[in-house]
């Protein structure tokens, strides 16, 4: 089973069922929504890796949802693929200019859909490299590798910085130990995971965070959350 979570927003029952079946068969976790507001409510609780987003929806247009994702959740690496019958050049350009990562006109091939999903999940999110990550009072300036809590600058080691960045990119979601070892240390799962615990403890102390800010999820990993 793939770890990536995908949200699909599609009001056509048949297309929604087809997407759900196709994505699940490929091993991904998917949650489907028939309207934009339900997806936006779910987004407050859990962050998907990728959103398959229709434009013509019964409540909020897909372009408006995309604007919300790219403003309110700009600090998170959420990929967005627009799926729509509005396939004119101006619609495609508008979607891409608003921050869509990809655009697929309907009707679409399920094999192409899976290929686009895989390709976009693999792509590095260069948008985040040019920005700051913020969570509560924590601000992380990516390119300068600087960290601030309010107005106070905090000095972190390289690994502490990379670990905090990973937690902030996945805020409110559990980051498992295997992912931490691969993304921060670049090693396989045989490495002593107590190293992670020591770095988390140091981050908590330096940023004056509590165990309620960086939650230990037993048997899995850690989650950054607002107490």
Foldseek 3Di string as FASTA:
>chain_A
DDPFEEEEEAQDPVVQVVLCVLQVVVPHHYDYHNADVVVVVVCVQFPGQEYEFEQDGDPHGRLVSLLCCCPVVVLANYAYEYEYQPPDPVVQVSSVVSPHPYYHYPPDDSVVVVVVVVVSSPDDDVSNQCDWQDDQQWIANRVVRWIDRNPRTFDDDQLLSQLVSVQSNRANDFDFLQNSCCRRVVDGPPDDSVVVVVSVVVNCVRNVHDCVQWPQDPPGGTHGYDD
